[in-house]
Amino acid sequence: MTSPPGFFVDGYLKRDPWLGYVFTIVDAVGSTVSPLCDTVGCTPAWGTQACAMGNVVKNATSSGFAGLAFHANDPVGGPRGTWTSTGAGIYVSVSTPPALARVQLQEEVASDDTRYCATLPAGGTGLIPFSDFKTFCWGDAAHPSKAFAIGTKVHEVTINIPGNSNADVPFNFCLIDIQPR
């Protein structure tokens, strides 16, 4: 699977209306991700596609995670902004998606009430309707969900691999395409 022309060049994602540098995310409980990215770049450097590999460690609270992320409106030279959600949902294509992977849309101020997630489509490719995105998407009865609303200002988009309390979650995937539709 290959990305559309110009989708990912030198670590920068462009898929109208989204644009921003791709970076990796990882928890502080012992999970791993490669490449490991910070504010000056990634080690090792990005290749021709946005790919990540590693392992989300199991832990009793299922608080492990890792993945890829980008800011939805981060033009080269700034300033960074948000994207106001419109349309039917998010089209995504991920190669070899881990079973628990999800797409996460986050508002500018990050909290459990401003992160909306939805499970990746079967096989890793398809349209995720906005109606599938909600806070606490894993369905925990102790945490009431809030639905995503059209018009929400999205700051960050993430392909998130959550952990669990039963087993480590190894992953090795590439983000082939992602775009609001």
C-alpha atoms as a PDB file:
ATOM      1  CA  MET A   1       0.000   0.000   0.000  1.00  0.00           C
ATOM      2  CA  THR A   2       1.310   3.435  -0.866  1.00  0.00           C
ATOM      3  CA  SER A   3       0.151   6.885   0.120  1.00  0.00           C
ATOM      4  CA  PRO A   4      -1.316   9.465  -2.288  1.00  0.00           C
ATOM      5  CA  PRO A   5       1.314  11.682  -3.974  1.00  0.00           C
ATOM      6  CA  GLY A   6       2.533  14.418  -1.624  1.00  0.00           C
ATOM      7  CA  PHE A   7       0.766  12.886   1.417  1.00  0.00           C
ATOM      8  CA  PHE A   8       3.927  12.470   3.530  1.00  0.00           C
ATOM      9  CA  VAL A   9       7.193  14.207   2.651  1.00  0.00           C
ATOM     10  CA  ASP A  10      10.118  14.683   5.059  1.00  0.00           C
ATOM     11  CA  GLY A  11       7.907  14.051   8.084  1.00  0.00           C
ATOM     12  CA  TYR A  12       5.188  16.481   6.987  1.00  0.00           C
ATOM     13  CA  LEU A  13       1.631  15.330   6.212  1.00  0.00           C
ATOM     14  CA  LYS A  14      -0.512  17.207   3.676  1.00  0.00           C
ATOM     15  CA  ARG A  15      -4.036  15.959   3.053  1.00  0.00           C
ATOM     16  CA  ASP A  16      -6.477  18.792   2.447  1.00  0.00           C
ATOM     17  CA  PRO A  17      -7.551  20.401   4.738  1.00  0.00           C
ATOM     18  CA  TRP A  18      -5.033  18.896   7.197  1.00  0.00           C
ATOM     19  CA  LEU A  19      -1.330  19.682   7.307  1.00  0.00           C
ATOM     20  CA  GLY A  20       1.283  19.164   9.987  1.00  0.00           C
ATOM     21  CA  TYR A  21       4.419  17.407  11.113  1.00  0.00           C
ATOM     22  CA  VAL A  22       3.902  13.779  12.155  1.00  0.00           C
ATOM     23  CA  PHE A  23       5.321  12.709  15.503  1.00  0.00           C
ATOM     24  CA  THR A  24       5.141   9.629  17.702  1.00  0.00           C
ATOM     25  CA  ILE A  25       3.535   9.341  21.120  1.00  0.00           C
ATOM     26  CA  VAL A  26       4.265   6.908  23.947  1.00  0.00           C
ATOM     27  CA  ASP A  27       3.249   6.528  27.582  1.00  0.00           C
ATOM     28  CA  ALA A  28       5.532   6.782  30.611  1.00  0.00           C
ATOM     29  CA  VAL A  29       4.777   3.249  31.870  1.00  0.00           C
ATOM     30  CA  GLY A  30       7.379   1.435  29.758  1.00  0.00           C
ATOM     31  CA  SER A  31       5.899   1.130  26.274  1.00  0.00           C
ATOM     32  CA  THR A  32       8.173   1.684  23.273  1.00  0.00           C
ATOM     33  CA  VAL A  33       7.810   3.345  19.872  1.00  0.00           C
ATOM     34  CA  SER A  34      10.150   3.818  16.931  1.00  0.00           C
ATOM     35  CA  PRO A  35      10.926   6.266  15.554  1.00  0.00           C
ATOM     36  CA  LEU A  36      11.115   8.280  18.753  1.00  0.00           C
ATOM     37  CA  CYS A  37      10.238  11.892  17.952  1.00  0.00           C
ATOM     38  CA  ASP A  38      10.758  15.121  19.866  1.00  0.00           C
ATOM     39  CA  THR A  39      10.583  18.810  18.964  1.00  0.00           C
ATOM     40  CA  VAL A  40      13.634  18.665  16.673  1.00  0.00           C
ATOM     41  CA  GLY A  41      12.985  15.459  14.751  1.00  0.00           C
ATOM     42  CA  CYS A  42      12.841  11.688  14.903  1.00  0.00           C
ATOM     43  CA  THR A  43      15.394   8.967  15.638  1.00  0.00           C
ATOM     44  CA  PRO A  44      15.719   7.184  13.348  1.00  0.00           C
ATOM     45  CA  ALA A  45      14.616   9.755  10.753  1.00  0.00           C
ATOM     46  CA  TRP A  46      11.337   9.212   8.899  1.00  0.00           C
ATOM     47  CA  GLY A  47      11.418   7.186   5.708  1.00  0.00           C
ATOM     48  CA  THR A  48       9.036   7.683   2.811  1.00  0.00           C
ATOM     49  CA  GLN A  49       5.946   6.758   4.863  1.00  0.00           C
ATOM     50  CA  ALA A  50       4.671   7.547   8.348  1.00  0.00           C
ATOM     51  CA  CYS A  51       5.265   4.210  10.076  1.00  0.00           C
ATOM     52  CA  ALA A  52       5.621   3.234  13.724  1.00  0.00           C
ATOM     53  CA  MET A  53       6.594   0.062  15.498  1.00  0.00           C
ATOM     54  CA  GLY A  54       6.949  -0.904  19.125  1.00  0.00           C
ATOM     55  CA  ASN A  55       5.178  -2.466  22.044  1.00  0.00           C
ATOM     56  CA  VAL A  56       2.509  -1.212  24.427  1.00  0.00           C
ATOM     57  CA  VAL A  57       3.174  -2.897  27.755  1.00  0.00           C
ATOM     58  CA  LYS A  58       0.394  -4.486  29.740  1.00  0.00           C
ATOM     59  CA  ASN A  59      -0.342  -2.972  33.114  1.00  0.00           C
ATOM     60  CA  ALA A  60      -3.064  -3.311  35.714  1.00  0.00           C
ATOM     61  CA  THR A  61      -4.747   0.004  34.854  1.00  0.00           C
ATOM     62  CA  SER A  62      -4.595  -0.415  31.042  1.00  0.00           C
ATOM     63  CA  SER A  63      -2.935   3.006  30.887  1.00  0.00           C
ATOM     64  CA  GLY A  64      -0.317   2.136  28.264  1.00  0.00           C
ATOM     65  CA  PHE A  65      -0.413   3.641  24.765  1.00  0.00           C
ATOM     66  CA  ALA A  66       1.705   4.509  21.746  1.00  0.00           C
ATOM     67  CA  GLY A  67       1.114   5.717  18.207  1.00  0.00           C
ATOM     68  CA  LEU A  68       1.411   8.438  15.573  1.00  0.00           C
ATOM     69  CA  ALA A  69      -0.013  11.949  15.766  1.00  0.00           C
ATOM     70  CA  PHE A  70      -0.080  15.274  13.946  1.00  0.00           C
ATOM     71  CA  HIS A  71      -1.570  18.703  14.508  1.00  0.00           C
ATOM     72  CA  ALA A  72      -4.531  19.215  12.166  1.00  0.00           C
ATOM     73  CA  ASN A  73      -3.579  22.785  11.190  1.00  0.00           C
ATOM     74  CA  ASP A  74       0.175  23.326  11.485  1.00  0.00           C
ATOM     75  CA  PRO A  75       1.436  25.212   8.431  1.00  0.00           C
ATOM     76  CA  VAL A  76       5.186  25.399   7.888  1.00  0.00           C
ATOM     77  CA  GLY A  77       6.245  28.647   9.523  1.00  0.00           C
ATOM     78  CA  GLY A  78       3.119  28.654  11.749  1.00  0.00           C
ATOM     79  CA  PRO A  79       1.076  29.650  13.504  1.00  0.00           C
ATOM     80  CA  ARG A  80      -0.460  26.365  14.631  1.00  0.00           C
ATOM     81  CA  GLY A  81      -4.253  26.386  14.760  1.00  0.00           C
ATOM     82  CA  THR A  82      -7.259  24.086  14.737  1.00  0.00           C
ATOM     83  CA  TRP A  83      -9.495  22.544  12.098  1.00  0.00           C
ATOM     84  CA  THR A  84     -13.256  23.007  12.492  1.00  0.00           C
ATOM     85  CA  SER A  85     -14.878  19.638  11.847  1.00  0.00           C
ATOM     86  CA  THR A  86     -17.246  19.347   8.911  1.00  0.00           C
ATOM     87  CA  GLY A  87     -18.496  16.522   6.735  1.00  0.00           C
ATOM     88  CA  ALA A  88     -19.472  12.933   7.446  1.00  0.00           C
ATOM     89  CA  GLY A  89     -16.391  11.557   9.173  1.00  0.00           C
ATOM     90  CA  ILE A  90     -12.741  10.579   8.853  1.00  0.00           C
ATOM     91  CA  TYR A  91     -11.411   8.369   6.068  1.00  0.00           C
ATOM     92  CA  VAL A  92      -8.376   6.421   7.249  1.00  0.00           C
ATOM     93  CA  SER A  93      -6.090   3.755   5.837  1.00  0.00           C
ATOM     94  CA  VAL A  94      -3.565   2.002   8.077  1.00  0.00           C
ATOM     95  CA  SER A  95      -1.459  -0.988   7.043  1.00  0.00           C
ATOM     96  CA  THR A  96      -1.338  -3.973   9.431  1.00  0.00           C
ATOM     97  CA  PRO A  97      -3.526  -2.284  12.052  1.00  0.00           C
ATOM     98  CA  PRO A  98      -3.287  -3.621  15.603  1.00  0.00           C
ATOM     99  CA  ALA A  99      -6.590  -5.093  16.813  1.00  0.00           C
ATOM    100  CA  LEU A 100      -7.209  -2.372  19.403  1.00  0.00           C
ATOM    101  CA  ALA A 101      -6.096   0.627  17.299  1.00  0.00           C
ATOM    102  CA  ARG A 102      -8.259   3.705  17.121  1.00  0.00           C
ATOM    103  CA  VAL A 103      -8.347   7.196  15.658  1.00  0.00           C
ATOM    104  CA  GLN A 104      -8.434   9.998  18.195  1.00  0.00           C
ATOM    105  CA  LEU A 105      -9.512  13.608  17.617  1.00  0.00           C
ATOM    106  CA  GLN A 106      -8.434  16.039  20.313  1.00  0.00           C
ATOM    107  CA  GLU A 107      -9.506  19.585  21.028  1.00  0.00           C
ATOM    108  CA  GLU A 108      -6.887  22.243  21.795  1.00  0.00           C
ATOM    109  CA  VAL A 109      -7.031  21.781  25.575  1.00  0.00           C
ATOM    110  CA  ALA A 110      -6.346  18.091  26.241  1.00  0.00           C
ATOM    111  CA  SER A 111      -8.434  16.254  28.823  1.00  0.00           C
ATOM    112  CA  ASP A 112     -10.518  13.095  29.018  1.00  0.00           C
ATOM    113  CA  ASP A 113     -13.533  15.217  27.997  1.00  0.00           C
ATOM    114  CA  THR A 114     -11.832  16.669  24.886  1.00  0.00           C
ATOM    115  CA  ARG A 115     -10.352  13.473  23.368  1.00  0.00           C
ATOM    116  CA  TYR A 116     -12.766  11.624  21.090  1.00  0.00           C
ATOM    117  CA  CYS A 117     -11.883   8.187  19.786  1.00  0.00           C
ATOM    118  CA  ALA A 118     -13.287   5.559  17.466  1.00  0.00           C
ATOM    119  CA  THR A 119     -12.060   2.098  16.536  1.00  0.00           C
ATOM    120  CA  LEU A 120     -10.274   1.710  13.207  1.00  0.00           C
ATOM    121  CA  PRO A 121     -12.431   0.092  10.502  1.00  0.00           C
ATOM    122  CA  ALA A 122     -12.007  -3.657   9.930  1.00  0.00           C
ATOM    123  CA  GLY A 123      -8.851  -4.185   7.903  1.00  0.00           C
ATOM    124  CA  GLY A 124      -7.638  -0.671   8.755  1.00  0.00           C
ATOM    125  CA  THR A 125      -9.282   1.177   5.846  1.00  0.00           C
ATOM    126  CA  GLY A 126     -12.606   2.964   5.600  1.00  0.00           C
ATOM    127  CA  LEU A 127     -14.733   5.910   6.662  1.00  0.00           C
ATOM    128  CA  ILE A 128     -15.351   6.363  10.384  1.00  0.00           C
ATOM    129  CA  PRO A 129     -18.555   8.395  10.812  1.00  0.00           C
ATOM    130  CA  PHE A 130     -18.307  11.272  13.269  1.00  0.00           C
ATOM    131  CA  SER A 131     -21.181   9.601  15.158  1.00  0.00           C
ATOM    132  CA  ASP A 132     -18.701   6.807  16.142  1.00  0.00           C
ATOM    133  CA  PHE A 133     -16.353   9.254  17.920  1.00  0.00           C
ATOM    134  CA  LYS A 134     -16.906   9.746  21.641  1.00  0.00           C
ATOM    135  CA  THR A 135     -14.958  10.308  24.803  1.00  0.00           C
ATOM    136  CA  PHE A 136     -14.061   7.119  26.696  1.00  0.00           C
ATOM    137  CA  CYS A 137     -14.657   5.097  23.507  1.00  0.00           C
ATOM    138  CA  TRP A 138     -13.634   1.835  25.164  1.00  0.00           C
ATOM    139  CA  GLY A 139     -17.099   1.602  26.742  1.00  0.00           C
ATOM    140  CA  ASP A 140     -16.177   1.703  30.420  1.00  0.00           C
ATOM    141  CA  ALA A 141     -19.392   2.077  32.449  1.00  0.00           C
ATOM    142  CA  ALA A 142     -17.514   4.099  35.096  1.00  0.00           C
ATOM    143  CA  HIS A 143     -16.733   6.839  32.561  1.00  0.00           C
ATOM    144  CA  PRO A 144     -19.780   8.291  30.771  1.00  0.00           C
ATOM    145  CA  SER A 145     -19.111   9.115  27.117  1.00  0.00           C
ATOM    146  CA  LYS A 146     -19.713  12.401  25.371  1.00  0.00           C
ATOM    147  CA  ALA A 147     -20.474  12.339  21.634  1.00  0.00           C
ATOM    148  CA  PHE A 148     -18.365  14.249  19.109  1.00  0.00           C
ATOM    149  CA  ALA A 149     -20.236  17.192  17.579  1.00  0.00           C
ATOM    150  CA  ILE A 150     -19.813  18.573  14.062  1.00  0.00           C
ATOM    151  CA  GLY A 151     -18.189  21.997  14.438  1.00  0.00           C
ATOM    152  CA  THR A 152     -15.766  20.846  17.148  1.00  0.00           C
ATOM    153  CA  LYS A 153     -12.353  22.469  16.705  1.00  0.00           C
ATOM    154  CA  VAL A 154      -9.770  19.684  16.332  1.00  0.00           C
ATOM    155  CA  HIS A 155      -6.188  20.414  17.332  1.00  0.00           C
ATOM    156  CA  GLU A 156      -4.547  16.982  17.104  1.00  0.00           C
ATOM    157  CA  VAL A 157      -5.241  13.726  15.250  1.00  0.00           C
ATOM    158  CA  THR A 158      -3.784  10.456  16.535  1.00  0.00           C
ATOM    159  CA  ILE A 159      -3.576   6.818  15.505  1.00  0.00           C
ATOM    160  CA  ASN A 160      -3.540   5.407  19.020  1.00  0.00           C
ATOM    161  CA  ILE A 161      -2.612   1.887  20.125  1.00  0.00           C
ATOM    162  CA  PRO A 162      -4.060   1.468  23.633  1.00  0.00           C
ATOM    163  CA  GLY A 163      -2.756  -1.050  26.122  1.00  0.00           C
ATOM    164  CA  ASN A 164      -4.632  -3.474  28.303  1.00  0.00           C
ATOM    165  CA  SER A 165      -4.221  -5.438  31.507  1.00  0.00           C
ATOM    166  CA  ASN A 166      -3.967  -8.898  29.901  1.00  0.00           C
ATOM    167  CA  ALA A 167      -1.026  -8.816  27.493  1.00  0.00           C
ATOM    168  CA  ASP A 168       1.512  -6.601  25.746  1.00  0.00           C
ATOM    169  CA  VAL A 169       0.335  -5.162  22.413  1.00  0.00           C
ATOM    170  CA  PRO A 170       3.089  -5.266  19.770  1.00  0.00           C
ATOM    171  CA  PHE A 171       2.533  -3.083  16.701  1.00  0.00           C
ATOM    172  CA  ASN A 172       4.129  -2.291  13.350  1.00  0.00           C
ATOM    173  CA  PHE A 173       1.950  -0.161  11.054  1.00  0.00           C
ATOM    174  CA  CYS A 174       2.035   2.660   8.511  1.00  0.00           C
ATOM    175  CA  LEU A 175      -0.425   5.501   8.089  1.00  0.00           C
ATOM    176  CA  ILE A 176      -1.271   5.254   4.400  1.00  0.00           C
ATOM    177  CA  ASP A 177      -3.964   7.947   4.237  1.00  0.00           C
ATOM    178  CA  ILE A 178      -6.194  10.028   6.490  1.00  0.00           C
ATOM    179  CA  GLN A 179      -8.596  12.815   5.620  1.00  0.00           C
ATOM    180  CA  PRO A 180     -11.892  14.300   6.770  1.00  0.00           C
ATOM    181  CA  ARG A 181     -14.734  13.677   4.334  1.00  0.00           C
END
